Every structure is written in structure tokens, then in C-alpha cells.
């Protein structure tokens, strides 16, 4: 996977999401209005979804391309279909 994506950039995104989730946890203890908490949950969910998009794009650009050019195209397509299914279930 390290060939597929910019690990540092993905880790930075994930650390930001971890911070968002920790802030949500604090909001619950601070009795913040439910609407505000839901808004922050949605923001974290969207950020996590974007991480998935980054991973999927890297998979396409590297793994799929390499698998079709230098490997077993049918197996590569099957693996890509599995990746798409897993990504689409993230909603």
C-alpha cells in the first residue's frame, strides 16, 4: 500500500480526524447541543470518506494499472471490484 498513496498525507488526514472525534467526545461531556454534535459527527464522517477516496484513487493509479500491465488482468479487475464494493459500503 505504501506505493499506492502518500502515507504522510494520509496519516495527517487521519490525525485530523482523530482530533475531530476527540472533540466530539469532549462536546458530549460539555453538554453541547445535539445539533452541533451531529454536525461535527458528519464532518468527521465526511473526512473519513475522503480518506477512503484517496486510498481508492491510489489503488487505481498504482495497483490496478500495474496489475493490468504486468500481472493478471482478470484477477486485478476482481480485486478492483472488491475494493469498489468495500468503498461503496462506507456510506
PDB file of N, CA and C in Angstrom:
ATOM      1  N   UNK A   1       0.816  -1.191   0.000  1.00  0.00           N
ATOM      2  CA  UNK A   1       0.000   0.000   0.000  1.00  0.00           C
ATOM      3  C   UNK A   1       0.864   1.261   0.000  1.00  0.00           C
ATOM      4  N   UNK A   2       2.047   1.186   0.557  1.00  0.00           N
ATOM      5  CA  UNK A   2       2.881   2.387   0.639  1.00  0.00           C
ATOM      6  C   UNK A   2       3.267   2.911  -0.735  1.00  0.00           C
ATOM      7  N   UNK A   3       3.195   2.073  -1.760  1.00  0.00           N
ATOM      8  CA  UNK A   3       3.481   2.533  -3.110  1.00  0.00           C
ATOM      9  C   UNK A   3       2.283   3.255  -3.712  1.00  0.00           C
ATOM     10  N   UNK A   4       1.105   2.983  -3.196  1.00  0.00           N
ATOM     11  CA  UNK A   4      -0.140   3.482  -3.794  1.00  0.00           C
ATOM     12  C   UNK A   4      -0.477   4.913  -3.391  1.00  0.00           C
ATOM     13  N   UNK A   5      -0.086   5.295  -2.192  1.00  0.00           N
ATOM     14  CA  UNK A   5      -0.538   6.582  -1.664  1.00  0.00           C
ATOM     15  C   UNK A   5       0.610   7.306  -0.974  1.00  0.00           C
ATOM     16  N   UNK A   6       0.371   8.560  -0.696  1.00  0.00           N
ATOM     17  CA  UNK A   6       1.297   9.361   0.094  1.00  0.00           C
ATOM     18  C   UNK A   6       0.969   9.093   1.562  1.00  0.00           C
ATOM     19  N   UNK A   7       1.736   8.210   2.172  1.00  0.00           N
ATOM     20  CA  UNK A   7       1.476   7.809   3.556  1.00  0.00           C
ATOM     21  C   UNK A   7       1.431   8.996   4.506  1.00  0.00           C
ATOM     22  N   UNK A   8       2.364   9.914   4.352  1.00  0.00           N
ATOM     23  CA  UNK A   8       2.416  11.060   5.264  1.00  0.00           C
ATOM     24  C   UNK A   8       1.147  11.896   5.168  1.00  0.00           C
ATOM     25  N   UNK A   9       0.679  12.125   3.953  1.00  0.00           N
ATOM     26  CA  UNK A   9      -0.539  12.917   3.774  1.00  0.00           C
ATOM     27  C   UNK A   9      -1.749  12.196   4.357  1.00  0.00           C
ATOM     28  N   UNK A  10      -1.821  10.879   4.177  1.00  0.00           N
ATOM     29  CA  UNK A  10      -2.945  10.125   4.718  1.00  0.00           C
ATOM     30  C   UNK A  10      -2.896  10.102   6.239  1.00  0.00           C
ATOM     31  N   UNK A  11      -1.706   9.934   6.808  1.00  0.00           N
ATOM     32  CA  UNK A  11      -1.572   9.978   8.271  1.00  0.00           C
ATOM     33  C   UNK A  11      -1.993  11.346   8.809  1.00  0.00           C
ATOM     34  N   UNK A  12      -1.637  12.408   8.101  1.00  0.00           N
ATOM     35  CA  UNK A  12      -2.019  13.751   8.529  1.00  0.00           C
ATOM     36  C   UNK A  12      -3.539  13.886   8.543  1.00  0.00           C
ATOM     37  N   UNK A  13      -4.190  13.391   7.498  1.00  0.00           N
ATOM     38  CA  UNK A  13      -5.660  13.417   7.444  1.00  0.00           C
ATOM     39  C   UNK A  13      -6.259  12.635   8.613  1.00  0.00           C
ATOM     40  N   UNK A  14      -5.699  11.458   8.875  1.00  0.00           N
ATOM     41  CA  UNK A  14      -6.238  10.616   9.941  1.00  0.00           C
ATOM     42  C   UNK A  14      -6.037  11.249  11.316  1.00  0.00           C
ATOM     43  N   UNK A  15      -4.892  11.889  11.537  1.00  0.00           N
ATOM     44  CA  UNK A  15      -4.672  12.578  12.813  1.00  0.00           C
ATOM     45  C   UNK A  15      -5.686  13.703  13.001  1.00  0.00           C
ATOM     46  N   UNK A  16      -6.030  14.380  11.913  1.00  0.00           N
ATOM     47  CA  UNK A  16      -7.034  15.437  11.978  1.00  0.00           C
ATOM     48  C   UNK A  16      -8.392  14.846  12.357  1.00  0.00           C
ATOM     49  N   UNK A  17      -8.725  13.706  11.776  1.00  0.00           N
ATOM     50  CA  UNK A  17      -9.992  13.038  12.086  1.00  0.00           C
ATOM     51  C   UNK A  17     -10.011  12.570  13.541  1.00  0.00           C
ATOM     52  N   UNK A  18      -8.895  12.042  14.010  1.00  0.00           N
ATOM     53  CA  UNK A  18      -8.806  11.629  15.411  1.00  0.00           C
ATOM     54  C   UNK A  18      -9.080  12.826  16.311  1.00  0.00           C
ATOM     55  N   UNK A  19      -8.526  13.969  15.964  1.00  0.00           N
ATOM     56  CA  UNK A  19      -8.782  15.191  16.729  1.00  0.00           C
ATOM     57  C   UNK A  19     -10.251  15.577  16.696  1.00  0.00           C
ATOM     58  N   UNK A  20     -10.882  15.424  15.545  1.00  0.00           N
ATOM     59  CA  UNK A  20     -12.314  15.729  15.434  1.00  0.00           C
ATOM     60  C   UNK A  20     -13.132  14.813  16.349  1.00  0.00           C
ATOM     61  N   UNK A  21     -12.805  13.537  16.339  1.00  0.00           N
ATOM     62  CA  UNK A  21     -13.551  12.581  17.158  1.00  0.00           C
ATOM     63  C   UNK A  21     -13.326  12.860  18.644  1.00  0.00           C
ATOM     64  N   UNK A  22     -12.114  13.202  19.018  1.00  0.00           N
ATOM     65  CA  UNK A  22     -11.847  13.555  20.409  1.00  0.00           C
ATOM     66  C   UNK A  22     -12.627  14.805  20.810  1.00  0.00           C
ATOM     67  N   UNK A  23     -12.739  15.755  19.891  1.00  0.00           N
ATOM     68  CA  UNK A  23     -13.509  16.972  20.172  1.00  0.00           C
ATOM     69  C   UNK A  23     -14.993  16.633  20.343  1.00  0.00           C
ATOM     70  N   UNK A  24     -15.496  15.718  19.556  1.00  0.00           N
ATOM     71  CA  UNK A  24     -16.890  15.282  19.695  1.00  0.00           C
ATOM     72  C   UNK A  24     -17.095  14.664  21.074  1.00  0.00           C
ATOM     73  N   UNK A  25     -16.155  13.858  21.501  1.00  0.00           N
ATOM     74  CA  UNK A  25     -16.239  13.232  22.815  1.00  0.00           C
ATOM     75  C   UNK A  25     -16.300  14.297  23.916  1.00  0.00           C
ATOM     76  N   UNK A  26     -15.476  15.325  23.780  1.00  0.00           N
ATOM     77  CA  UNK A  26     -15.495  16.419  24.762  1.00  0.00           C
ATOM     78  C   UNK A  26     -16.816  17.183  24.714  1.00  0.00           C
ATOM     79  N   UNK A  27     -17.341  17.373  23.506  1.00  0.00           N
ATOM     80  CA  UNK A  27     -18.610  18.093  23.354  1.00  0.00           C
ATOM     81  C   UNK A  27     -19.730  17.402  24.121  1.00  0.00           C
ATOM     82  N   UNK A  28     -19.705  16.087  24.135  1.00  0.00           N
ATOM     83  CA  UNK A  28     -20.733  15.330  24.849  1.00  0.00           C
ATOM     84  C   UNK A  28     -20.640  15.632  26.342  1.00  0.00           C
ATOM     85  N   UNK A  29     -19.425  15.644  26.878  1.00  0.00           N
ATOM     86  CA  UNK A  29     -19.228  15.934  28.300  1.00  0.00           C
ATOM     87  C   UNK A  29     -19.558  17.382  28.639  1.00  0.00           C
ATOM     88  N   UNK A  30     -19.413  18.278  27.668  1.00  0.00           N
ATOM     89  CA  UNK A  30     -19.662  19.700  27.907  1.00  0.00           C
ATOM     90  C   UNK A  30     -21.114  20.085  27.648  1.00  0.00           C
ATOM     91  N   UNK A  31     -21.947  19.104  27.390  1.00  0.00           N
ATOM     92  CA  UNK A  31     -23.380  19.320  27.186  1.00  0.00           C
ATOM     93  C   UNK A  31     -23.666  20.287  26.028  1.00  0.00           C
ATOM     94  N   UNK A  32     -22.931  20.110  24.946  1.00  0.00           N
ATOM     95  CA  UNK A  32     -23.128  20.907  23.731  1.00  0.00           C
ATOM     96  C   UNK A  32     -24.433  20.459  23.075  1.00  0.00           C
ATOM     97  N   UNK A  33     -25.170  21.363  22.444  1.00  0.00           N
ATOM     98  CA  UNK A  33     -26.432  20.971  21.805  1.00  0.00           C
ATOM     99  C   UNK A  33     -26.248  19.833  20.789  1.00  0.00           C
ATOM    100  N   UNK A  34     -27.251  18.969  20.749  1.00  0.00           N
ATOM    101  CA  UNK A  34     -27.210  17.780  19.886  1.00  0.00           C
ATOM    102  C   UNK A  34     -26.948  18.149  18.431  1.00  0.00           C
ATOM    103  N   UNK A  35     -27.543  19.227  17.964  1.00  0.00           N
ATOM    104  CA  UNK A  35     -27.374  19.631  16.570  1.00  0.00           C
ATOM    105  C   UNK A  35     -25.911  19.907  16.247  1.00  0.00           C
ATOM    106  N   UNK A  36     -25.217  20.524  17.181  1.00  0.00           N
ATOM    107  CA  UNK A  36     -23.799  20.832  16.983  1.00  0.00           C
ATOM    108  C   UNK A  36     -22.957  19.553  16.979  1.00  0.00           C
ATOM    109  N   UNK A  37     -23.306  18.633  17.863  1.00  0.00           N
ATOM    110  CA  UNK A  37     -22.590  17.358  17.909  1.00  0.00           C
ATOM    111  C   UNK A  37     -22.801  16.599  16.606  1.00  0.00           C
ATOM    112  N   UNK A  38     -24.037  16.560  16.134  1.00  0.00           N
ATOM    113  CA  UNK A  38     -24.327  15.866  14.875  1.00  0.00           C
ATOM    114  C   UNK A  38     -23.584  16.501  13.703  1.00  0.00           C
ATOM    115  N   UNK A  39     -23.466  17.802  13.722  1.00  0.00           N
ATOM    116  CA  UNK A  39     -22.729  18.496  12.673  1.00  0.00           C
ATOM    117  C   UNK A  39     -21.265  18.068  12.665  1.00  0.00           C
ATOM    118  N   UNK A  40     -20.668  17.950  13.844  1.00  0.00           N
ATOM    119  CA  UNK A  40     -19.271  17.542  13.946  1.00  0.00           C
ATOM    120  C   UNK A  40     -19.089  16.068  13.578  1.00  0.00           C
ATOM    121  N   UNK A  41     -20.066  15.240  13.936  1.00  0.00           N
ATOM    122  CA  UNK A  41     -20.008  13.830  13.537  1.00  0.00           C
ATOM    123  C   UNK A  41     -20.033  13.727  12.021  1.00  0.00           C
ATOM    124  N   UNK A  42     -20.892  14.510  11.392  1.00  0.00           N
ATOM    125  CA  UNK A  42     -20.975  14.498   9.937  1.00  0.00           C
ATOM    126  C   UNK A  42     -19.659  14.967   9.303  1.00  0.00           C
ATOM    127  N   UNK A  43     -19.039  15.967   9.888  1.00  0.00           N
ATOM    128  CA  UNK A  43     -17.759  16.455   9.366  1.00  0.00           C
ATOM    129  C   UNK A  43     -16.686  15.371   9.458  1.00  0.00           C
ATOM    130  N   UNK A  44     -16.641  14.651  10.572  1.00  0.00           N
ATOM    131  CA  UNK A  44     -15.661  13.571  10.733  1.00  0.00           C
ATOM    132  C   UNK A  44     -15.947  12.440   9.748  1.00  0.00           C
ATOM    133  N   UNK A  45     -17.209  12.132   9.583  1.00  0.00           N
ATOM    134  CA  UNK A  45     -17.597  11.079   8.634  1.00  0.00           C
ATOM    135  C   UNK A  45     -17.180  11.464   7.212  1.00  0.00           C
ATOM    136  N   UNK A  46     -17.398  12.700   6.835  1.00  0.00           N
ATOM    137  CA  UNK A  46     -17.005  13.165   5.502  1.00  0.00           C
ATOM    138  C   UNK A  46     -15.493  13.113   5.315  1.00  0.00           C
ATOM    139  N   UNK A  47     -14.769  13.486   6.351  1.00  0.00           N
ATOM    140  CA  UNK A  47     -13.305  13.446   6.277  1.00  0.00           C
ATOM    141  C   UNK A  47     -12.801  12.010   6.149  1.00  0.00           C
ATOM    142  N   UNK A  48     -13.425  11.089   6.849  1.00  0.00           N
ATOM    143  CA  UNK A  48     -13.043   9.685   6.750  1.00  0.00           C
ATOM    144  C   UNK A  48     -13.376   9.131   5.367  1.00  0.00           C
ATOM    145  N   UNK A  49     -14.509   9.550   4.830  1.00  0.00           N
ATOM    146  CA  UNK A  49     -14.882   9.141   3.476  1.00  0.00           C
ATOM    147  C   UNK A  49     -13.856   9.642   2.466  1.00  0.00           C
ATOM    148  N   UNK A  50     -13.379  10.859   2.647  1.00  0.00           N
ATOM    149  CA  UNK A  50     -12.360  11.405   1.753  1.00  0.00           C
ATOM    150  C   UNK A  50     -11.067  10.594   1.847  1.00  0.00           C
ATOM    151  N   UNK A  51     -10.731  10.109   3.027  1.00  0.00           N
ATOM    152  CA  UNK A  51      -9.564   9.227   3.159  1.00  0.00           C
ATOM    153  C   UNK A  51      -9.754   7.983   2.309  1.00  0.00           C
ATOM    154  N   UNK A  52     -10.951   7.443   2.335  1.00  0.00           N
ATOM    155  CA  UNK A  52     -11.247   6.285   1.503  1.00  0.00           C
ATOM    156  C   UNK A  52     -11.083   6.592   0.035  1.00  0.00           C
ATOM    157  N   UNK A  53     -11.495   7.772  -0.369  1.00  0.00           N
ATOM    158  CA  UNK A  53     -11.338   8.179  -1.770  1.00  0.00           C
ATOM    159  C   UNK A  53      -9.860   8.255  -2.144  1.00  0.00           C
ATOM    160  N   UNK A  54      -9.057   8.784  -1.263  1.00  0.00           N
ATOM    161  CA  UNK A  54      -7.616   8.896  -1.518  1.00  0.00           C
ATOM    162  C   UNK A  54      -7.000   7.512  -1.675  1.00  0.00           C
ATOM    163  N   UNK A  55      -7.367   6.585  -0.794  1.00  0.00           N
ATOM    164  CA  UNK A  55      -6.840   5.225  -0.877  1.00  0.00           C
ATOM    165  C   UNK A  55      -7.304   4.559  -2.168  1.00  0.00           C
ATOM    166  N   UNK A  56      -8.580   4.707  -2.502  1.00  0.00           N
ATOM    167  CA  UNK A  56      -9.111   4.093  -3.717  1.00  0.00           C
ATOM    168  C   UNK A  56      -8.439   4.665  -4.964  1.00  0.00           C
ATOM    169  N   UNK A  57      -8.236   5.966  -4.992  1.00  0.00           N
ATOM    170  CA  UNK A  57      -7.558   6.582  -6.135  1.00  0.00           C
ATOM    171  C   UNK A  57      -6.140   6.051  -6.286  1.00  0.00           C
ATOM    172  N   UNK A  58      -5.428   5.931  -5.167  1.00  0.00           N
ATOM    173  CA  UNK A  58      -4.085   5.369  -5.211  1.00  0.00           C
ATOM    174  C   UNK A  58      -4.097   3.929  -5.683  1.00  0.00           C
ATOM    175  N   UNK A  59      -5.096   3.190  -5.256  1.00  0.00           N
ATOM    176  CA  UNK A  59      -5.233   1.794  -5.678  1.00  0.00           C
ATOM    177  C   UNK A  59      -5.408   1.718  -7.196  1.00  0.00           C
ATOM    178  N   UNK A  60      -6.230   2.589  -7.723  1.00  0.00           N
ATOM    179  CA  UNK A  60      -6.461   2.601  -9.170  1.00  0.00           C
ATOM    180  C   UNK A  60      -5.189   2.997  -9.906  1.00  0.00           C
ATOM    181  N   UNK A  61      -4.581   4.087  -9.472  1.00  0.00           N
ATOM    182  CA  UNK A  61      -3.417   4.611 -10.176  1.00  0.00           C
ATOM    183  C   UNK A  61      -2.206   3.679 -10.120  1.00  0.00           C
ATOM    184  N   UNK A  62      -2.080   2.932  -9.037  1.00  0.00           N
ATOM    185  CA  UNK A  62      -0.902   2.078  -8.923  1.00  0.00           C
ATOM    186  C   UNK A  62      -1.230   0.600  -9.080  1.00  0.00           C
ATOM    187  N   UNK A  63      -2.017   0.076  -8.174  1.00  0.00           N
ATOM    188  CA  UNK A  63      -2.252  -1.370  -8.144  1.00  0.00           C
ATOM    189  C   UNK A  63      -3.006  -1.872  -9.373  1.00  0.00           C
ATOM    190  N   UNK A  64      -4.064  -1.173  -9.739  1.00  0.00           N
ATOM    191  CA  UNK A  64      -4.843  -1.615 -10.891  1.00  0.00           C
ATOM    192  C   UNK A  64      -4.033  -1.471 -12.173  1.00  0.00           C
ATOM    193  N   UNK A  65      -3.411  -0.318 -12.340  1.00  0.00           N
ATOM    194  CA  UNK A  65      -2.599  -0.102 -13.540  1.00  0.00           C
ATOM    195  C   UNK A  65      -1.496  -1.151 -13.634  1.00  0.00           C
ATOM    196  N   UNK A  66      -0.777  -1.358 -12.544  1.00  0.00           N
ATOM    197  CA  UNK A  66       0.314  -2.329 -12.538  1.00  0.00           C
ATOM    198  C   UNK A  66      -0.199  -3.750 -12.777  1.00  0.00           C
ATOM    199  N   UNK A  67      -1.314  -4.098 -12.176  1.00  0.00           N
ATOM    200  CA  UNK A  67      -1.874  -5.426 -12.346  1.00  0.00           C
ATOM    201  C   UNK A  67      -2.315  -5.704 -13.770  1.00  0.00           C
ATOM    202  N   UNK A  68      -2.858  -4.706 -14.427  1.00  0.00           N
ATOM    203  CA  UNK A  68      -3.286  -4.888 -15.812  1.00  0.00           C
ATOM    204  C   UNK A  68      -2.079  -4.940 -16.746  1.00  0.00           C
ATOM    205  N   UNK A  69      -1.098  -4.065 -16.511  1.00  0.00           N
ATOM    206  CA  UNK A  69       0.064  -4.005 -17.389  1.00  0.00           C
ATOM    207  C   UNK A  69       1.026  -5.174 -17.197  1.00  0.00           C
ATOM    208  N   UNK A  70       1.195  -5.627 -15.951  1.00  0.00           N
ATOM    209  CA  UNK A  70       2.250  -6.606 -15.671  1.00  0.00           C
ATOM    210  C   UNK A  70       1.760  -7.883 -14.996  1.00  0.00           C
ATOM    211  N   UNK A  71       0.497  -7.973 -14.741  1.00  0.00           N
ATOM    212  CA  UNK A  71       0.007  -9.131 -13.991  1.00  0.00           C
ATOM    213  C   UNK A  71      -1.176  -9.789 -14.669  1.00  0.00           C
ATOM    214  N   UNK A  72      -2.033 -10.301 -13.844  1.00  0.00           N
ATOM    215  CA  UNK A  72      -3.236 -10.991 -14.275  1.00  0.00           C
ATOM    216  C   UNK A  72      -4.382  -9.984 -14.314  1.00  0.00           C
ATOM    217  N   UNK A  73      -4.783  -9.600 -15.514  1.00  0.00           N
ATOM    218  CA  UNK A  73      -5.813  -8.565 -15.671  1.00  0.00           C
ATOM    219  C   UNK A  73      -7.131  -8.988 -15.040  1.00  0.00           C
ATOM    220  N   UNK A  74      -7.529 -10.244 -15.206  1.00  0.00           N
ATOM    221  CA  UNK A  74      -8.800 -10.700 -14.632  1.00  0.00           C
ATOM    222  C   UNK A  74      -8.776 -10.640 -13.109  1.00  0.00           C
ATOM    223  N   UNK A  75      -7.681 -11.073 -12.508  1.00  0.00           N
ATOM    224  CA  UNK A  75      -7.556 -11.014 -11.043  1.00  0.00           C
ATOM    225  C   UNK A  75      -7.541  -9.563 -10.577  1.00  0.00           C
ATOM    226  N   UNK A  76      -6.871  -8.707 -11.325  1.00  0.00           N
ATOM    227  CA  UNK A  76      -6.808  -7.288 -10.980  1.00  0.00           C
ATOM    228  C   UNK A  76      -8.203  -6.667 -11.008  1.00  0.00           C
ATOM    229  N   UNK A  77      -8.978  -7.009 -12.024  1.00  0.00           N
ATOM    230  CA  UNK A  77     -10.336  -6.476 -12.132  1.00  0.00           C
ATOM    231  C   UNK A  77     -11.199  -6.999 -10.986  1.00  0.00           C
ATOM    232  N   UNK A  78     -11.056  -8.276 -10.633  1.00  0.00           N
ATOM    233  CA  UNK A  78     -11.798  -8.837  -9.497  1.00  0.00           C
ATOM    234  C   UNK A  78     -11.437  -8.106  -8.201  1.00  0.00           C
ATOM    235  N   UNK A  79     -10.146  -7.863  -7.998  1.00  0.00           N
ATOM    236  CA  UNK A  79      -9.708  -7.143  -6.792  1.00  0.00           C
ATOM    237  C   UNK A  79     -10.230  -5.715  -6.777  1.00  0.00           C
ATOM    238  N   UNK A  80     -10.249  -5.087  -7.943  1.00  0.00           N
ATOM    239  CA  UNK A  80     -10.778  -3.725  -8.026  1.00  0.00           C
ATOM    240  C   UNK A  80     -12.267  -3.708  -7.700  1.00  0.00           C
ATOM    241  N   UNK A  81     -12.998  -4.698  -8.200  1.00  0.00           N
ATOM    242  CA  UNK A  81     -14.433  -4.783  -7.906  1.00  0.00           C
ATOM    243  C   UNK A  81     -14.664  -4.932  -6.401  1.00  0.00           C
ATOM    244  N   UNK A  82     -13.834  -5.730  -5.728  1.00  0.00           N
ATOM    245  CA  UNK A  82     -13.942  -5.885  -4.272  1.00  0.00           C
ATOM    246  C   UNK A  82     -13.656  -4.557  -3.564  1.00  0.00           C
ATOM    247  N   UNK A  83     -12.632  -3.866  -4.037  1.00  0.00           N
ATOM    248  CA  UNK A  83     -12.296  -2.570  -3.428  1.00  0.00           C
ATOM    249  C   UNK A  83     -13.444  -1.578  -3.595  1.00  0.00           C
ATOM    250  N   UNK A  84     -14.036  -1.560  -4.770  1.00  0.00           N
ATOM    251  CA  UNK A  84     -15.173  -0.647  -5.010  1.00  0.00           C
ATOM    252  C   UNK A  84     -16.360  -1.009  -4.122  1.00  0.00           C
ATOM    253  N   UNK A  85     -16.610  -2.298  -3.965  1.00  0.00           N
ATOM    254  CA  UNK A  85     -17.722  -2.740  -3.100  1.00  0.00           C
ATOM    255  C   UNK A  85     -17.487  -2.288  -1.665  1.00  0.00           C
ATOM    256  N   UNK A  86     -16.276  -2.470  -1.184  1.00  0.00           N
ATOM    257  CA  UNK A  86     -15.971  -2.062   0.191  1.00  0.00           C
ATOM    258  C   UNK A  86     -16.082  -0.548   0.344  1.00  0.00           C
ATOM    259  N   UNK A  87     -15.609   0.181  -0.645  1.00  0.00           N
ATOM    260  CA  UNK A  87     -15.709   1.641  -0.578  1.00  0.00           C
ATOM    261  C   UNK A  87     -17.160   2.088  -0.605  1.00  0.00           C
ATOM    262  N   UNK A  88     -17.949   1.479  -1.451  1.00  0.00           N
ATOM    263  CA  UNK A  88     -19.361   1.903  -1.564  1.00  0.00           C
ATOM    264  C   UNK A  88     -20.149   1.567  -0.300  1.00  0.00           C
ATOM    265  N   UNK A  89     -19.691   0.601   0.477  1.00  0.00           N
ATOM    266  CA  UNK A  89     -20.369   0.260   1.731  1.00  0.00           C
ATOM    267  C   UNK A  89     -20.032   1.231   2.855  1.00  0.00           C
ATOM    268  N   UNK A  90     -19.140   2.170   2.596  1.00  0.00           N
ATOM    269  CA  UNK A  90     -18.733   3.129   3.627  1.00  0.00           C
ATOM    270  C   UNK A  90     -19.774   4.203   3.882  1.00  0.00           C
ATOM    271  N   UNK A  91     -20.741   4.311   3.038  1.00  0.00           N
ATOM    272  CA  UNK A  91     -21.723   5.395   3.144  1.00  0.00           C
ATOM    273  C   UNK A  91     -22.520   5.316   4.400  1.00  0.00           C
TER     274      UNK A  91
END
